[in-house]
Amino acid sequence: MNLNRKVPLLFALALLLVAFSAGIGLWQMSRSLTHFENDVSVLVAQERQVHLVHGQFQTQVQEWKNVLLRGKDAAQKDKYWAAFQKNEKAVAEGATALRDGLVDTAARALADQFITAHQTMSSGYRKGFEAFEAASADPAAGDAAVKGMDREPASLLDKLAQAIAETSAA
């Protein structure tokens, strides 16, 4: 084979090798980006879910305040207590679904702590409702029975959102 054929053949072979290497590199980059995008989208969805549960939790607490403020009227008391229980159930279901989707053990532990704190709070609010009714719908009696019970669950939700955000940032 003469030199006139060897040089173009070597050039073509080198070009083919570079093109093949570039193709493999682009394929691996695409795979990595897809994997990264899936991980980040899951974490963002989980963070949104925490904020949704937090919003439902705040609505639940607001419904309790409505019970206290408007509970002298039996129809209003029943209406707002039913709304409280509806939000309580939504918070419990949302938190359980969130916990079941968490992979990070620290975040999962925070979700478990929230679920436990929310259950404890729910029991306390039921006792507060009983105290409210026993005191002839006196808001002070109902409020005193549940004072500060919502602080720990709210704090745990904030910590959970922060833990997921930190995992996402990492």
Protein backbone atom coordinates (compact mmCIF):
# COMPACT_ATOMS: atom_id res chain seq x y z
CA MET A 1 0.00 0.00 0.00
CA ASN A 2 1.43 3.33 -0.91
CA LEU A 3 1.56 6.48 1.18
CA ASN A 4 -1.25 8.13 -0.81
CA ARG A 5 -3.67 5.53 0.54
CA LYS A 6 -2.25 5.16 4.07
CA VAL A 7 -2.63 8.82 5.11
CA PRO A 8 -6.35 9.17 4.20
CA LEU A 9 -7.05 5.75 5.71
CA LEU A 10 -5.33 6.68 9.00
CA PHE A 11 -7.14 10.01 9.00
CA ALA A 12 -10.49 8.30 8.42
CA LEU A 13 -9.76 5.74 11.14
CA ALA A 14 -8.80 8.49 13.61
CA LEU A 15 -11.95 10.44 12.72
CA LEU A 16 -14.10 7.35 13.21
CA LEU A 17 -12.48 6.68 16.61
CA VAL A 18 -13.09 10.29 17.72
CA ALA A 19 -16.72 10.16 16.53
CA PHE A 20 -17.27 6.84 18.34
CA SER A 21 -15.73 8.21 21.57
CA ALA A 22 -17.84 11.38 21.33
CA GLY A 23 -20.99 9.30 20.83
CA ILE A 24 -20.23 7.21 23.92
CA GLY A 25 -19.51 10.37 25.92
CA LEU A 26 -22.77 12.02 24.85
CA TRP A 27 -24.73 8.86 25.66
CA GLN A 28 -23.21 8.69 29.17
CA MET A 29 -23.83 12.40 29.73
CA SER A 30 -27.46 11.96 28.67
CA ARG A 31 -27.85 9.03 31.06
CA SER A 32 -26.32 11.03 33.91
CA LEU A 33 -28.53 14.03 33.25
CA THR A 34 -31.65 11.87 33.11
CA HIS A 35 -30.69 10.19 36.38
CA PHE A 36 -29.96 13.57 38.00
CA GLU A 37 -33.22 15.04 36.70
CA ASN A 38 -35.22 12.11 38.08
CA ASP A 39 -33.56 12.38 41.50
CA VAL A 40 -34.07 16.12 41.70
CA SER A 41 -37.67 15.97 40.48
CA VAL A 42 -38.49 13.36 43.14
CA LEU A 43 -36.95 15.52 45.86
CA VAL A 44 -38.74 18.64 44.63
CA ALA A 45 -42.04 16.73 44.58
CA GLN A 46 -41.39 15.52 48.14
CA GLU A 47 -40.62 19.05 49.30
CA ARG A 48 -43.85 20.26 47.71
CA GLN A 49 -45.70 17.47 49.45
CA VAL A 50 -44.26 18.57 52.80
CA HIS A 51 -45.51 22.10 52.15
CA LEU A 52 -48.93 20.74 51.17
CA VAL A 53 -49.13 18.75 54.42
CA HIS A 54 -47.97 21.84 56.31
CA GLY A 55 -50.74 23.90 54.71
CA GLN A 56 -53.34 21.28 55.61
CA PHE A 57 -51.92 21.21 59.13
CA GLN A 58 -52.27 24.98 59.45
CA THR A 59 -55.84 24.75 58.18
CA GLN A 60 -56.53 22.05 60.77
CA VAL A 61 -55.29 24.34 63.55
CA GLN A 62 -57.34 27.22 62.11
CA GLU A 63 -60.45 25.05 62.15
CA TRP A 64 -59.82 24.39 65.85
CA LYS A 65 -59.70 28.14 66.44
CA ASN A 66 -62.99 28.41 64.54
CA VAL A 67 -64.48 25.83 66.92
CA LEU A 68 -63.38 27.95 69.86
CA LEU A 69 -64.55 31.27 68.40
CA ARG A 70 -67.87 30.13 66.98
CA GLY A 71 -68.61 27.10 69.14
CA LYS A 72 -71.34 28.67 71.27
CA ASP A 73 -73.65 28.00 68.32
CA ALA A 74 -74.05 24.20 68.14
CA ALA A 75 -74.39 24.16 64.35
CA GLN A 76 -71.22 26.20 63.92
CA LYS A 77 -69.39 24.03 66.45
CA ASP A 78 -70.36 20.87 64.59
CA LYS A 79 -69.43 22.40 61.24
CA TYR A 80 -65.97 23.50 62.31
CA TRP A 81 -65.26 20.36 64.33
CA ALA A 82 -66.10 18.27 61.25
CA ALA A 83 -63.77 20.48 59.18
CA PHE A 84 -61.07 20.03 61.84
CA GLN A 85 -61.42 16.25 61.66
CA LYS A 86 -61.42 16.28 57.86
CA ASN A 87 -58.14 18.24 57.80
CA GLU A 88 -56.72 16.05 60.54
CA LYS A 89 -57.35 12.99 58.37
CA ALA A 90 -55.86 14.70 55.29
CA VAL A 91 -52.72 15.61 57.25
CA ALA A 92 -52.33 12.05 58.56
CA GLU A 93 -52.81 10.51 55.11
CA GLY A 94 -50.51 13.04 53.44
CA ALA A 95 -47.78 12.52 56.02
CA THR A 96 -48.00 8.74 55.71
CA ALA A 97 -47.82 8.90 51.91
CA LEU A 98 -44.87 11.26 52.15
CA ARG A 99 -43.04 9.03 54.61
CA ASP A 100 -43.59 5.99 52.44
CA GLY A 101 -41.95 7.76 49.49
CA LEU A 102 -38.87 8.96 51.36
CA VAL A 103 -35.61 7.14 50.79
CA ASP A 104 -33.35 9.26 52.99
CA THR A 105 -33.35 7.68 56.46
CA ALA A 106 -32.99 10.99 58.31
CA ALA A 107 -35.95 12.50 56.46
CA ARG A 108 -37.95 9.33 57.01
CA ALA A 109 -37.21 9.50 60.74
CA LEU A 110 -38.43 13.12 60.83
CA ALA A 111 -41.61 12.08 59.02
CA ASP A 112 -42.15 9.30 61.58
CA GLN A 113 -41.63 11.80 64.40
CA PHE A 114 -44.16 14.14 62.82
CA ILE A 115 -46.72 11.36 62.45
CA THR A 116 -46.31 10.43 66.11
CA ALA A 117 -46.46 14.07 67.25
CA HIS A 118 -49.55 14.66 65.10
CA GLN A 119 -51.28 11.63 66.62
CA THR A 120 -50.42 12.89 70.11
CA MET A 121 -51.70 16.33 69.18
CA SER A 122 -54.91 14.82 67.81
CA SER A 123 -55.56 13.04 71.10
CA GLY A 124 -54.89 16.27 72.96
CA TYR A 125 -57.28 18.22 70.75
CA ARG A 126 -60.01 15.67 71.40
CA LYS A 127 -59.50 16.14 75.13
CA GLY A 128 -59.55 19.88 74.53
CA PHE A 129 -62.85 19.53 72.67
CA GLU A 130 -64.27 17.60 75.60
CA ALA A 131 -63.04 20.31 77.99
CA PHE A 132 -64.57 22.95 75.72
CA GLU A 133 -67.94 21.20 75.73
CA ALA A 134 -67.78 20.50 79.48
CA ALA A 135 -67.17 24.22 80.12
CA SER A 136 -70.32 25.18 78.18
CA ALA A 137 -68.36 26.19 75.06
CA ASP A 138 -65.94 28.42 76.96
CA PRO A 139 -63.12 29.21 74.49
CA ALA A 140 -60.64 29.76 77.30
CA ALA A 141 -61.15 26.22 78.60
CA GLY A 142 -60.69 24.68 75.16
CA ASP A 143 -57.67 26.83 74.39
CA ALA A 144 -55.99 26.10 77.72
CA ALA A 145 -56.40 22.36 77.15
CA VAL A 146 -54.46 22.40 73.87
CA LYS A 147 -52.07 25.31 74.35
CA GLY A 148 -48.82 24.79 72.44
CA MET A 149 -49.68 21.31 71.13
CA ASP A 150 -49.26 22.35 67.51
CA ARG A 151 -45.73 23.70 67.94
CA GLU A 152 -43.80 20.41 67.82
CA PRO A 153 -45.54 18.98 64.74
CA ALA A 154 -45.15 22.30 62.90
CA SER A 155 -41.47 22.42 63.81
CA LEU A 156 -40.97 18.84 62.61
CA LEU A 157 -42.55 19.67 59.25
CA ASP A 158 -40.19 22.62 58.88
CA LYS A 159 -37.21 20.40 59.70
CA LEU A 160 -38.42 17.77 57.22
CA ALA A 161 -38.72 20.34 54.42
CA GLN A 162 -35.24 21.61 55.25
CA ALA A 163 -33.77 18.08 55.27
CA ILE A 164 -35.24 17.32 51.85
CA ALA A 165 -34.01 20.67 50.50
CA GLU A 166 -30.50 19.94 51.80
CA THR A 167 -30.52 16.49 50.18
CA SER A 168 -31.66 18.06 46.92
CA ALA A 169 -28.93 20.70 47.10
CA ALA A 170 -26.29 18.04 47.78
